[in-house]
C-alpha atoms as a PDB file:
ATOM      1  CA  MET A   1      32.347 104.873-156.581  1.00  0.00           C
ATOM      2  CA  VAL A   2      31.705 107.616-159.124  1.00  0.00           C
ATOM      3  CA  HIS A   3      32.405 110.336-156.558  1.00  0.00           C
ATOM      4  CA  ALA A   4      35.638 108.591-155.560  1.00  0.00           C
ATOM      5  CA  HIS A   5      36.915 109.233-159.089  1.00  0.00           C
ATOM      6  CA  GLY A   6      35.881 112.880-158.855  1.00  0.00           C
ATOM      7  CA  PHE A   7      32.796 112.753-161.067  1.00  0.00           C
ATOM      8  CA  THR A   8      29.192 113.734-160.351  1.00  0.00           C
ATOM      9  CA  ILE A   9      26.218 111.429-160.847  1.00  0.00           C
ATOM     10  CA  HIS A  10      22.538 112.200-161.410  1.00  0.00           C
ATOM     11  CA  GLU A  11      19.857 109.548-160.969  1.00  0.00           C
ATOM     12  CA  HIS A  12      16.827 109.519-163.272  1.00  0.00           C
ATOM     13  CA  VAL A  13      13.744 107.318-162.875  1.00  0.00           C
ATOM     14  CA  ILE A  14      12.000 105.971-165.968  1.00  0.00           C
ATOM     15  CA  GLN A  15       8.521 104.492-166.053  1.00  0.00           C
ATOM     16  CA  THR A  16       8.323 101.685-168.604  1.00  0.00           C
ATOM     17  CA  LYS A  17       5.158 101.193-170.593  1.00  0.00           C
ATOM     18  CA  ASP A  18       4.335  98.135-168.482  1.00  0.00           C
ATOM     19  CA  GLY A  19       4.737  99.963-165.176  1.00  0.00           C
ATOM     20  CA  TYR A  20       8.276  99.223-163.951  1.00  0.00           C
ATOM     21  CA  LEU A  21      10.357 102.057-162.520  1.00  0.00           C
ATOM     22  CA  LEU A  22      13.962 101.940-163.708  1.00  0.00           C
ATOM     23  CA  SER A  23      16.754 104.019-162.210  1.00  0.00           C
ATOM     24  CA  ILE A  24      19.405 105.100-164.694  1.00  0.00           C
ATOM     25  CA  HIS A  25      22.540 107.121-164.035  1.00  0.00           C
ATOM     26  CA  ARG A  26      24.010 110.092-165.869  1.00  0.00           C
ATOM     27  CA  ILE A  27      27.657 110.773-165.075  1.00  0.00           C
ATOM     28  CA  LEU A  28      28.877 114.350-165.332  1.00  0.00           C
ATOM     29  CA  PRO A  29      32.403 115.759-165.704  1.00  0.00           C
ATOM     30  CA  LYS A  30      34.372 116.456-162.562  1.00  0.00           C
ATOM     31  CA  GLU A  31      35.292 120.020-163.530  1.00  0.00           C
ATOM     32  CA  ASP A  32      32.007 121.720-162.687  1.00  0.00           C
ATOM     33  CA  GLY A  33      29.291 119.077-162.923  1.00  0.00           C
ATOM     34  CA  LYS A  34      27.280 121.206-165.338  1.00  0.00           C
ATOM     35  CA  ILE A  35      24.831 119.473-167.632  1.00  0.00           C
ATOM     36  CA  SER A  36      25.411 119.827-171.364  1.00  0.00           C
ATOM     37  CA  ASN A  37      22.932 118.543-173.913  1.00  0.00           C
ATOM     38  CA  VAL A  38      25.143 119.182-176.930  1.00  0.00           C
ATOM     39  CA  LYS A  39      27.692 116.406-176.407  1.00  0.00           C
ATOM     40  CA  PRO A  40      27.352 113.082-178.260  1.00  0.00           C
ATOM     41  CA  ILE A  41      25.594 110.520-176.055  1.00  0.00           C
ATOM     42  CA  VAL A  42      26.864 107.091-175.046  1.00  0.00           C
ATOM     43  CA  TYR A  43      24.415 104.754-173.326  1.00  0.00           C
ATOM     44  CA  LEU A  44      25.987 101.722-171.611  1.00  0.00           C
ATOM     45  CA  HIS A  45      23.989  98.683-170.524  1.00  0.00           C
ATOM     46  CA  HIS A  46      25.081  95.871-168.211  1.00  0.00           C
ATOM     47  CA  GLY A  47      24.827  92.085-168.503  1.00  0.00           C
ATOM     48  CA  LEU A  48      22.862  89.318-166.796  1.00  0.00           C
ATOM     49  CA  LEU A  49      22.706  89.407-162.979  1.00  0.00           C
ATOM     50  CA  THR A  50      24.594  92.708-162.783  1.00  0.00           C
ATOM     51  CA  ASN A  51      23.774  96.425-162.743  1.00  0.00           C
ATOM     52  CA  SER A  52      25.130  99.808-163.824  1.00  0.00           C
ATOM     53  CA  GLU A  53      27.945  99.647-161.249  1.00  0.00           C
ATOM     54  CA  LEU A  54      29.674  97.082-163.476  1.00  0.00           C
ATOM     55  CA  PHE A  55      31.112  99.830-165.689  1.00  0.00           C
ATOM     56  CA  VAL A  56      32.654 101.941-162.903  1.00  0.00           C
ATOM     57  CA  LEU A  57      34.502  99.218-160.990  1.00  0.00           C
ATOM     58  CA  GLY A  58      37.923  99.728-162.577  1.00  0.00           C
ATOM     59  CA  GLU A  59      40.782 100.427-160.193  1.00  0.00           C
ATOM     60  CA  THR A  60      41.636 103.738-161.839  1.00  0.00           C
ATOM     61  CA  THR A  61      39.834 106.349-163.909  1.00  0.00           C
ATOM     62  CA  GLU A  62      41.699 105.095-166.978  1.00  0.00           C
ATOM     63  CA  ARG A  63      40.302 101.575-166.442  1.00  0.00           C
ATOM     64  CA  CYS A  64      36.644 102.688-166.286  1.00  0.00           C
ATOM     65  CA  LEU A  65      35.083 103.069-169.732  1.00  0.00           C
ATOM     66  CA  PRO A  66      32.463 105.686-168.695  1.00  0.00           C
ATOM     67  CA  PHE A  67      35.125 107.990-167.249  1.00  0.00           C
ATOM     68  CA  VAL A  68      37.334 107.597-170.316  1.00  0.00           C
ATOM     69  CA  LEU A  69      34.379 108.516-172.529  1.00  0.00           C
ATOM     70  CA  ILE A  70      33.486 111.550-170.410  1.00  0.00           C
ATOM     71  CA  ASN A  71      37.062 112.814-170.603  1.00  0.00           C
ATOM     72  CA  LYS A  72      36.818 112.457-174.383  1.00  0.00           C
ATOM     73  CA  GLY A  73      33.751 114.703-174.473  1.00  0.00           C
ATOM     74  CA  TYR A  74      30.802 112.286-174.367  1.00  0.00           C
ATOM     75  CA  ASP A  75      27.567 112.523-172.382  1.00  0.00           C
ATOM     76  CA  VAL A  76      27.480 109.164-170.563  1.00  0.00           C
ATOM     77  CA  TRP A  77      24.394 107.341-169.290  1.00  0.00           C
ATOM     78  CA  LEU A  78      24.271 103.960-167.522  1.00  0.00           C
ATOM     79  CA  GLY A  79      21.102 101.862-167.772  1.00  0.00           C
ATOM     80  CA  ASN A  80      19.546  99.275-165.458  1.00  0.00           C
ATOM     81  CA  ASN A  81      17.227  96.333-166.071  1.00  0.00           C
ATOM     82  CA  ARG A  82      14.043  95.829-164.092  1.00  0.00           C
ATOM     83  CA  GLY A  83      14.540  93.800-160.925  1.00  0.00           C
ATOM     84  CA  ASN A  84      18.153  94.670-160.129  1.00  0.00           C
ATOM     85  CA  LYS A  85      19.187  96.633-157.039  1.00  0.00           C
ATOM     86  CA  TYR A  86      18.405  99.985-158.692  1.00  0.00           C
ATOM     87  CA  SER A  87      15.101  99.056-160.331  1.00  0.00           C
ATOM     88  CA  ARG A  88      12.952  97.114-157.872  1.00  0.00           C
ATOM     89  CA  LYS A  89       9.794  99.188-158.030  1.00  0.00           C
ATOM     90  CA  HIS A  90       6.560  99.016-160.017  1.00  0.00           C
ATOM     91  CA  LEU A  91       3.488 101.229-160.150  1.00  0.00           C
ATOM     92  CA  VAL A  92       1.262  98.436-158.812  1.00  0.00           C
ATOM     93  CA  LEU A  93       3.327  95.356-157.968  1.00  0.00           C
ATOM     94  CA  SER A  94       5.615  94.797-155.005  1.00  0.00           C
ATOM     95  CA  SER A  95       8.988  93.101-155.488  1.00  0.00           C
ATOM     96  CA  SER A  96       7.681  90.425-153.113  1.00  0.00           C
ATOM     97  CA  ASP A  97       4.951  89.550-155.632  1.00  0.00           C
ATOM     98  CA  GLU A  98       5.588  86.652-157.980  1.00  0.00           C
ATOM     99  CA  LYS A  99       4.097  88.672-160.842  1.00  0.00           C
ATOM    100  CA  PHE A 100       6.795  91.331-160.418  1.00  0.00           C
ATOM    101  CA  TRP A 101       9.408  88.763-161.501  1.00  0.00           C
ATOM    102  CA  ASN A 102       7.451  87.455-164.478  1.00  0.00           C
ATOM    103  CA  TYR A 103       9.818  88.787-167.144  1.00  0.00           C
ATOM    104  CA  SER A 104      12.532  87.556-169.483  1.00  0.00           C
ATOM    105  CA  LEU A 105      14.752  89.025-172.197  1.00  0.00           C
ATOM    106  CA  ASP A 106      11.549  89.738-174.127  1.00  0.00           C
ATOM    107  CA  GLU A 107      10.538  92.453-171.655  1.00  0.00           C
ATOM    108  CA  PHE A 108      14.076  93.865-171.505  1.00  0.00           C
ATOM    109  CA  ALA A 109      13.947  94.193-175.293  1.00  0.00           C
ATOM    110  CA  MET A 110      10.347  95.387-175.644  1.00  0.00           C
ATOM    111  CA  PHE A 111      10.318  97.884-172.770  1.00  0.00           C
ATOM    112  CA  ASP A 112      13.488  98.521-170.761  1.00  0.00           C
ATOM    113  CA  ILE A 113      15.864  99.338-173.623  1.00  0.00           C
ATOM    114  CA  PRO A 114      13.556 101.352-175.942  1.00  0.00           C
ATOM    115  CA  ASN A 115      11.893 103.232-173.076  1.00  0.00           C
ATOM    116  CA  THR A 116      15.312 104.152-171.674  1.00  0.00           C
ATOM    117  CA  ILE A 117      16.603 105.315-175.061  1.00  0.00           C
ATOM    118  CA  ASP A 118      13.495 107.423-175.680  1.00  0.00           C
ATOM    119  CA  TYR A 119      13.851 109.005-172.235  1.00  0.00           C
ATOM    120  CA  ILE A 120      17.519 109.895-172.754  1.00  0.00           C
ATOM    121  CA  LEU A 121      16.870 111.391-176.188  1.00  0.00           C
ATOM    122  CA  ASP A 122      13.905 113.364-174.830  1.00  0.00           C
ATOM    123  CA  ILE A 123      15.906 114.781-171.903  1.00  0.00           C
ATOM    124  CA  THR A 124      18.881 115.723-174.067  1.00  0.00           C
ATOM    125  CA  LYS A 125      16.775 116.893-177.045  1.00  0.00           C
ATOM    126  CA  GLN A 126      18.949 114.855-179.377  1.00  0.00           C
ATOM    127  CA  GLU A 127      17.973 112.483-182.172  1.00  0.00           C
ATOM    128  CA  GLN A 128      20.625 109.781-181.776  1.00  0.00           C
ATOM    129  CA  LEU A 129      22.886 108.107-179.253  1.00  0.00           C
ATOM    130  CA  ASN A 130      25.640 105.491-179.272  1.00  0.00           C
ATOM    131  CA  TYR A 131      24.945 102.173-177.542  1.00  0.00           C
ATOM    132  CA  ILE A 132      27.495 100.005-175.710  1.00  0.00           C
ATOM    133  CA  GLY A 133      26.245  96.725-174.271  1.00  0.00           C
ATOM    134  CA  PHE A 134      28.231  94.214-172.261  1.00  0.00           C
ATOM    135  CA  SER A 135      27.319  90.512-172.559  1.00  0.00           C
ATOM    136  CA  GLN A 136      23.523  90.263-172.204  1.00  0.00           C
ATOM    137  CA  GLY A 137      23.446  94.054-172.542  1.00  0.00           C
ATOM    138  CA  ALA A 138      24.628  93.598-176.122  1.00  0.00           C
ATOM    139  CA  ALA A 139      22.193  90.754-176.789  1.00  0.00           C
ATOM    140  CA  GLN A 140      19.142  92.544-175.430  1.00  0.00           C
ATOM    141  CA  GLY A 141      20.177  95.697-177.277  1.00  0.00           C
ATOM    142  CA  LEU A 142      20.146  93.860-180.612  1.00  0.00           C
ATOM    143  CA  ALA A 143      16.900  92.131-179.653  1.00  0.00           C
ATOM    144  CA  SER A 144      15.359  95.492-178.834  1.00  0.00           C
ATOM    145  CA  ILE A 145      16.358  97.023-182.156  1.00  0.00           C
ATOM    146  CA  SER A 146      14.926  94.001-183.967  1.00  0.00           C
ATOM    147  CA  LEU A 147      11.557  94.425-182.224  1.00  0.00           C
ATOM    148  CA  ASN A 148      11.499  98.241-182.326  1.00  0.00           C
ATOM    149  CA  HIS A 149      12.554  99.247-185.828  1.00  0.00           C
ATOM    150  CA  SER A 150      12.563 102.971-184.986  1.00  0.00           C
ATOM    151  CA  LEU A 151      15.683 102.329-182.895  1.00  0.00           C
ATOM    152  CA  ASN A 152      17.612 101.815-186.142  1.00  0.00           C
ATOM    153  CA  SER A 153      17.449 105.571-186.655  1.00  0.00           C
ATOM    154  CA  LYS A 154      17.954 106.437-182.978  1.00  0.00           C
ATOM    155  CA  ILE A 155      21.212 104.511-182.484  1.00  0.00           C
ATOM    156  CA  LYS A 156      24.202 105.843-184.402  1.00  0.00           C
ATOM    157  CA  VAL A 157      26.691 103.082-183.559  1.00  0.00           C
ATOM    158  CA  PHE A 158      26.206  99.807-181.671  1.00  0.00           C
ATOM    159  CA  ILE A 159      29.148  98.319-179.756  1.00  0.00           C
ATOM    160  CA  GLY A 160      28.929  94.870-178.187  1.00  0.00           C
ATOM    161  CA  LEU A 161      31.515  93.898-175.567  1.00  0.00           C
ATOM    162  CA  SER A 162      31.586  90.114-175.109  1.00  0.00           C
ATOM    163  CA  PRO A 163      28.232  89.922-176.946  1.00  0.00           C
ATOM    164  CA  ALA A 164      26.611  86.757-175.563  1.00  0.00           C
ATOM    165  CA  MET A 165      23.935  86.490-178.209  1.00  0.00           C
ATOM    166  CA  VAL A 166      24.212  82.786-179.011  1.00  0.00           C
ATOM    167  CA  PRO A 167      26.266  81.086-176.264  1.00  0.00           C
ATOM    168  CA  LYS A 168      28.130  77.932-177.225  1.00  0.00           C
ATOM    169  CA  GLY A 169      26.943  76.147-174.096  1.00  0.00           C
ATOM    170  CA  LEU A 170      27.946  75.378-170.522  1.00  0.00           C
ATOM    171  CA  ASN A 171      30.706  72.855-170.147  1.00  0.00           C
ATOM    172  CA  ASN A 172      29.820  70.849-167.042  1.00  0.00           C
ATOM    173  CA  SER A 173      27.331  68.153-166.129  1.00  0.00           C
ATOM    174  CA  LEU A 174      25.259  70.216-163.689  1.00  0.00           C
ATOM    175  CA  CYS A 175      24.744  73.039-166.179  1.00  0.00           C
ATOM    176  CA  SER A 176      23.982  70.558-168.945  1.00  0.00           C
ATOM    177  CA  PHE A 177      21.362  69.023-166.665  1.00  0.00           C
ATOM    178  CA  LEU A 178      19.774  72.442-166.059  1.00  0.00           C
ATOM    179  CA  VAL A 179      19.811  73.294-169.770  1.00  0.00           C
ATOM    180  CA  GLN A 180      18.030  70.051-170.616  1.00  0.00           C
ATOM    181  CA  SER A 181      15.687  70.021-167.622  1.00  0.00           C
ATOM    182  CA  THR A 182      12.050  71.027-167.938  1.00  0.00           C
ATOM    183  CA  PRO A 183      11.039  74.561-166.971  1.00  0.00           C
ATOM    184  CA  ARG A 184       8.756  73.031-164.344  1.00  0.00           C
ATOM    185  CA  LEU A 185      11.755  71.418-162.644  1.00  0.00           C
ATOM    186  CA  PHE A 186      13.807  74.607-162.953  1.00  0.00           C
ATOM    187  CA  TYR A 187      11.042  76.630-161.297  1.00  0.00           C
ATOM    188  CA  ARG A 188      10.718  73.986-158.595  1.00  0.00           C
ATOM    189  CA  LEU A 189      14.441  74.291-157.842  1.00  0.00           C
ATOM    190  CA  PHE A 190      14.695  78.095-157.942  1.00  0.00           C
ATOM    191  CA  GLY A 191      11.142  79.387-157.572  1.00  0.00           C
ATOM    192  CA  LYS A 192       9.507  81.991-159.809  1.00  0.00           C
ATOM    193  CA  ARG A 193      10.807  85.155-158.226  1.00  0.00           C
ATOM    194  CA  SER A 194      14.343  86.470-157.882  1.00  0.00           C
ATOM    195  CA  ILE A 195      17.568  84.604-158.510  1.00  0.00           C
ATOM    196  CA  LEU A 196      20.595  85.566-156.353  1.00  0.00           C
ATOM    197  CA  PRO A 197      18.355  87.281-153.765  1.00  0.00           C
ATOM    198  CA  SER A 198      20.823  86.757-150.900  1.00  0.00           C
ATOM    199  CA  VAL A 199      24.131  87.636-152.564  1.00  0.00           C
ATOM    200  CA  VAL A 200      24.784  90.545-150.165  1.00  0.00           C
ATOM    201  CA  PHE A 201      24.170  88.278-147.172  1.00  0.00           C
ATOM    202  CA  TRP A 202      26.756  85.755-148.379  1.00  0.00           C
ATOM    203  CA  GLN A 203      29.284  88.492-149.086  1.00  0.00           C
ATOM    204  CA  LYS A 204      29.051  89.608-145.473  1.00  0.00           C
ATOM    205  CA  MET A 205      29.121  86.061-144.128  1.00  0.00           C
ATOM    206  CA  MET A 206      32.187  84.997-146.112  1.00  0.00           C
ATOM    207  CA  GLY A 207      34.268  88.139-145.958  1.00  0.00           C
ATOM    208  CA  PRO A 208      36.222  89.601-148.910  1.00  0.00           C
ATOM    209  CA  SER A 209      38.937  86.932-149.291  1.00  0.00           C
ATOM    210  CA  LEU A 210      36.680  83.871-149.118  1.00  0.00           C
ATOM    211  CA  TYR A 211      34.029  85.513-151.285  1.00  0.00           C
ATOM    212  CA  GLU A 212      36.651  86.260-153.950  1.00  0.00           C
ATOM    213  CA  LYS A 213      37.736  82.612-153.970  1.00  0.00           C
ATOM    214  CA  VAL A 214      34.137  81.391-154.183  1.00  0.00           C
ATOM    215  CA  VAL A 215      33.421  83.675-157.152  1.00  0.00           C
ATOM    216  CA  ASP A 216      36.611  82.536-158.914  1.00  0.00           C
ATOM    217  CA  LEU A 217      35.741  78.866-158.403  1.00  0.00           C
ATOM    218  CA  SER A 218      32.144  79.439-159.510  1.00  0.00           C
ATOM    219  CA  LEU A 219      33.262  81.105-162.747  1.00  0.00           C
ATOM    220  CA  ILE A 220      35.630  78.220-163.458  1.00  0.00           C
ATOM    221  CA  PHE A 221      32.932  75.644-162.719  1.00  0.00           C
ATOM    222  CA  LEU A 222      30.175  77.325-164.728  1.00  0.00           C
ATOM    223  CA  PHE A 223      32.041  78.854-167.660  1.00  0.00           C
ATOM    224  CA  ASN A 224      35.646  77.619-167.467  1.00  0.00           C
ATOM    225  CA  TRP A 225      36.841  81.214-167.024  1.00  0.00           C
ATOM    226  CA  LYS A 226      40.268  81.163-165.383  1.00  0.00           C
ATOM    227  CA  SER A 227      40.262  84.972-164.910  1.00  0.00           C
ATOM    228  CA  GLY A 228      44.033  84.950-165.289  1.00  0.00           C
ATOM    229  CA  ASN A 229      44.079  88.312-167.073  1.00  0.00           C
ATOM    230  CA  ILE A 230      42.277  90.084-164.232  1.00  0.00           C
ATOM    231  CA  PRO A 231      44.542  91.396-161.422  1.00  0.00           C
ATOM    232  CA  THR A 232      43.720  90.296-157.883  1.00  0.00           C
ATOM    233  CA  SER A 233      43.330  93.947-156.913  1.00  0.00           C
ATOM    234  CA  GLN A 234      40.685  94.335-159.648  1.00  0.00           C
ATOM    235  CA  LYS A 235      38.798  91.307-158.333  1.00  0.00           C
ATOM    236  CA  LYS A 236      38.778  92.799-154.837  1.00  0.00           C
ATOM    237  CA  MET A 237      37.328  95.980-156.306  1.00  0.00           C
ATOM    238  CA  GLY A 238      34.843  94.363-158.680  1.00  0.00           C
ATOM    239  CA  TYR A 239      33.533  91.140-157.185  1.00  0.00           C
ATOM    240  CA  PRO A 240      31.667  92.706-154.209  1.00  0.00           C
ATOM    241  CA  HIS A 241      29.609  94.804-156.658  1.00  0.00           C
ATOM    242  CA  MET A 242      29.478  92.384-159.570  1.00  0.00           C
ATOM    243  CA  PHE A 243      26.191  90.577-158.947  1.00  0.00           C
ATOM    244  CA  SER A 244      22.639  91.855-158.693  1.00  0.00           C
ATOM    245  CA  PRO A 245      19.282  90.028-158.684  1.00  0.00           C
ATOM    246  CA  SER A 246      17.212  89.278-161.751  1.00  0.00           C
ATOM    247  CA  SER A 247      14.268  87.014-162.426  1.00  0.00           C
ATOM    248  CA  VAL A 248      14.530  83.247-162.480  1.00  0.00           C
ATOM    249  CA  LYS A 249      12.615  83.466-165.761  1.00  0.00           C
ATOM    250  CA  SER A 250      15.379  85.525-167.401  1.00  0.00           C
ATOM    251  CA  VAL A 251      17.947  82.843-166.535  1.00  0.00           C
ATOM    252  CA  LEU A 252      15.576  80.153-167.819  1.00  0.00           C
ATOM    253  CA  HIS A 253      15.304  82.130-171.049  1.00  0.00           C
ATOM    254  CA  TRP A 254      19.067  81.814-171.561  1.00  0.00           C
ATOM    255  CA  LEU A 255      18.890  78.073-170.930  1.00  0.00           C
ATOM    256  CA  GLN A 256      16.253  77.833-173.670  1.00  0.00           C
ATOM    257  CA  ILE A 257      18.510  79.785-176.039  1.00  0.00           C
ATOM    258  CA  ILE A 258      21.454  77.508-175.262  1.00  0.00           C
ATOM    259  CA  ASP A 259      19.328  74.372-175.628  1.00  0.00           C
ATOM    260  CA  ASN A 260      17.864  75.459-178.975  1.00  0.00           C
ATOM    261  CA  LYS A 261      21.137  76.983-180.228  1.00  0.00           C
ATOM    262  CA  ARG A 262      19.468  80.137-181.493  1.00  0.00           C
ATOM    263  CA  PHE A 263      18.642  83.631-180.239  1.00  0.00           C
ATOM    264  CA  GLN A 264      14.921  83.189-179.669  1.00  0.00           C
ATOM    265  CA  MET A 265      12.112  84.747-177.693  1.00  0.00           C
ATOM    266  CA  PHE A 266      10.920  83.114-174.476  1.00  0.00           C
ATOM    267  CA  ASP A 267       9.063  79.823-174.896  1.00  0.00           C
ATOM    268  CA  GLU A 268       5.917  80.252-172.814  1.00  0.00           C
ATOM    269  CA  GLY A 269       4.731  76.830-173.934  1.00  0.00           C
ATOM    270  CA  GLY A 270       7.972  75.326-172.717  1.00  0.00           C
ATOM    271  CA  ALA A 271       7.551  77.131-169.423  1.00  0.00           C
ATOM    272  CA  SER A 272       4.301  75.292-168.849  1.00  0.00           C
ATOM    273  CA  GLY A 273       5.780  72.008-169.979  1.00  0.00           C
ATOM    274  CA  SER A 274       3.763  71.854-173.204  1.00  0.00           C
ATOM    275  CA  SER A 275       6.110  73.282-175.817  1.00  0.00           C
ATOM    276  CA  LEU A 276       5.026  72.343-179.323  1.00  0.00           C
ATOM    277  CA  VAL A 277       7.712  70.985-181.610  1.00  0.00           C
ATOM    278  CA  TYR A 278       7.503  69.094-184.844  1.00  0.00           C
ATOM    279  CA  PHE A 279       9.888  67.271-187.144  1.00  0.00           C
ATOM    280  CA  SER A 280      10.388  68.456-190.682  1.00  0.00           C
ATOM    281  CA  GLY A 281      11.082  66.289-193.700  1.00  0.00           C
ATOM    282  CA  THR A 282      14.799  66.539-192.964  1.00  0.00           C
ATOM    283  CA  SER A 283      14.211  65.022-189.489  1.00  0.00           C
ATOM    284  CA  LYS A 284      15.408  68.153-187.742  1.00  0.00           C
ATOM    285  CA  ARG A 285      13.460  69.455-184.777  1.00  0.00           C
ATOM    286  CA  THR A 286      11.761  72.772-185.396  1.00  0.00           C
ATOM    287  CA  ASN A 287      10.706  74.951-182.488  1.00  0.00           C
ATOM    288  CA  ARG A 288       7.541  77.006-182.795  1.00  0.00           C
ATOM    289  CA  VAL A 289       9.014  79.929-180.801  1.00  0.00           C
ATOM    290  CA  ALA A 290      10.030  82.894-182.952  1.00  0.00           C
ATOM    291  CA  PRO A 291      13.660  83.963-183.071  1.00  0.00           C
ATOM    292  CA  PHE A 292      14.486  87.598-182.449  1.00  0.00           C
ATOM    293  CA  PRO A 293      14.474  89.065-186.002  1.00  0.00           C
ATOM    294  CA  THR A 294      17.976  90.512-185.716  1.00  0.00           C
ATOM    295  CA  GLN A 295      18.413  90.437-189.501  1.00  0.00           C
ATOM    296  CA  THR A 296      16.344  93.651-189.497  1.00  0.00           C
ATOM    297  CA  VAL A 297      18.999  95.521-187.495  1.00  0.00           C
ATOM    298  CA  SER A 298      20.639  98.126-189.758  1.00  0.00           C
ATOM    299  CA  VAL A 299      22.750  99.998-187.200  1.00  0.00           C
ATOM    300  CA  PRO A 300      26.520  99.719-187.835  1.00  0.00           C
ATOM    301  CA  CYS A 301      27.930  97.294-185.254  1.00  0.00           C
ATOM    302  CA  LEU A 302      31.313  96.713-183.648  1.00  0.00           C
ATOM    303  CA  LEU A 303      31.638  93.425-181.748  1.00  0.00           C
ATOM    304  CA  ILE A 304      34.600  92.893-179.404  1.00  0.00           C
ATOM    305  CA  TYR A 305      35.126  89.483-177.838  1.00  0.00           C
ATOM    306  CA  GLY A 306      37.779  87.184-176.414  1.00  0.00           C
ATOM    307  CA  LYS A 307      38.865  84.100-178.321  1.00  0.00           C
ATOM    308  CA  SER A 308      38.927  82.152-175.028  1.00  0.00           C
ATOM    309  CA  ASP A 309      35.331  83.069-174.139  1.00  0.00           C
ATOM    310  CA  MET A 310      33.219  79.923-174.358  1.00  0.00           C
ATOM    311  CA  LEU A 311      29.983  81.947-174.150  1.00  0.00           C
ATOM    312  CA  ILE A 312      30.574  83.573-177.525  1.00  0.00           C
ATOM    313  CA  ASP A 313      29.784  81.832-180.798  1.00  0.00           C
ATOM    314  CA  ILE A 314      30.831  84.632-183.115  1.00  0.00           C
ATOM    315  CA  ASP A 315      29.979  82.716-186.302  1.00  0.00           C
ATOM    316  CA  LYS A 316      26.343  82.194-185.284  1.00  0.00           C
ATOM    317  CA  THR A 317      26.172  85.780-184.083  1.00  0.00           C
ATOM    318  CA  LEU A 318      27.338  87.107-187.442  1.00  0.00           C
ATOM    319  CA  GLN A 319      24.929  84.796-189.266  1.00  0.00           C
ATOM    320  CA  SER A 320      22.098  86.459-187.330  1.00  0.00           C
ATOM    321  CA  LEU A 321      23.089  89.961-188.451  1.00  0.00           C
ATOM    322  CA  CYS A 322      22.832  91.649-191.841  1.00  0.00           C
ATOM    323  CA  CYS A 323      24.040  95.091-190.765  1.00  0.00           C
ATOM    324  CA  PRO A 324      27.559  96.444-191.422  1.00  0.00           C
ATOM    325  CA  THR A 325      29.576  94.688-188.709  1.00  0.00           C
ATOM    326  CA  LYS A 326      33.216  94.871-187.665  1.00  0.00           C
ATOM    327  CA  VAL A 327      34.652  92.231-185.337  1.00  0.00           C
ATOM    328  CA  ILE A 328      37.667  92.515-183.044  1.00  0.00           C
ATOM    329  CA  ALA A 329      38.816  89.163-181.621  1.00  0.00           C
ATOM    330  CA  LEU A 330      41.238  89.378-178.690  1.00  0.00           C
ATOM    331  CA  ASP A 331      43.716  86.550-178.148  1.00  0.00           C
ATOM    332  CA  GLY A 332      43.593  84.991-174.686  1.00  0.00           C
ATOM    333  CA  TYR A 333      40.658  87.124-173.555  1.00  0.00           C
ATOM    334  CA  GLU A 334      37.717  85.645-171.618  1.00  0.00           C
ATOM    335  CA  HIS A 335      34.281  87.142-170.966  1.00  0.00           C
ATOM    336  CA  MET A 336      35.057  89.697-168.235  1.00  0.00           C
ATOM    337  CA  ASP A 337      38.395  90.698-169.756  1.00  0.00           C
ATOM    338  CA  THR A 338      36.793  93.225-172.114  1.00  0.00           C
ATOM    339  CA  LEU A 339      36.052  95.253-168.966  1.00  0.00           C
ATOM    340  CA  TRP A 340      38.655  94.228-166.393  1.00  0.00           C
ATOM    341  CA  SER A 341      41.763  92.793-168.069  1.00  0.00           C
ATOM    342  CA  SER A 342      45.092  94.149-166.827  1.00  0.00           C
ATOM    343  CA  ASP A 343      45.681  95.771-170.233  1.00  0.00           C
ATOM    344  CA  VAL A 344      42.101  96.905-170.876  1.00  0.00           C
ATOM    345  CA  GLU A 345      43.063 100.591-170.990  1.00  0.00           C
ATOM    346  CA  SER A 346      45.277  99.935-174.018  1.00  0.00           C
END
């Protein structure tokens, strides 16, 4: 995809401090493909159940944010979470091992993001970079800064596209059932390894047209996204590359966040069915699991979201931040529109 737009791509492999091997991608200008370590850096990170391809799926060069940034003189890097199609290796564990998939947003924040940032800054010999996260990529970026305070000085500007930090909820009975179900039941339904392990198989079985319809219907059912701002031609380009595996535990983590209505760390007690809660004098339930301390983030932030995106609760998000923050709210935009809307280049 990158080569089709005339750019060059270099793959780098990062070893996280807990042994995962992450592949990240550096995109180089199409003129000569020479590496320059003097340009300002932009690091982009994808959302839940996706990978670095998400950012280069626009129909034209002008509709792909990484290519636009490169043409404006930036050094662009695309990150990947452990477990997706580009990062399914570990120093000791096999991806067929249950232990390989024993991770949540906590590990993304504690290892994947800071280890990737340190690697990029080391390779380029620079002190700072700019961070752009889409959806979960924004959430785990803020979580990572909150747990790794040195990142406050390593990130110059933080930009969140559709920053799903505190989702409002899922508006259908099945999703409500999953949110309120016990982790034991969730693991029984989906196992403890990968979620969406057979997405490529179903793409081939259905064919492009049927697969596009299934994805559209699934997005309506799960999130009430009508996708009316996304051209059909963009769906044909993007949907086949949109999804990538992650751990069942990472999805369960989001259900815990939705259920507790706060951006919190994973509830290991809840995962075993023995979460400890108590009732305060005001009769409100208090969860023992710590929230991500995002009030400690001091990096200037720009948050861009759609007013029709039910996954974004911008008020709760802003309440969780104390850093200088600018918000751009887009009328009629849904979650994916910040990447793929018909007028995204404007």
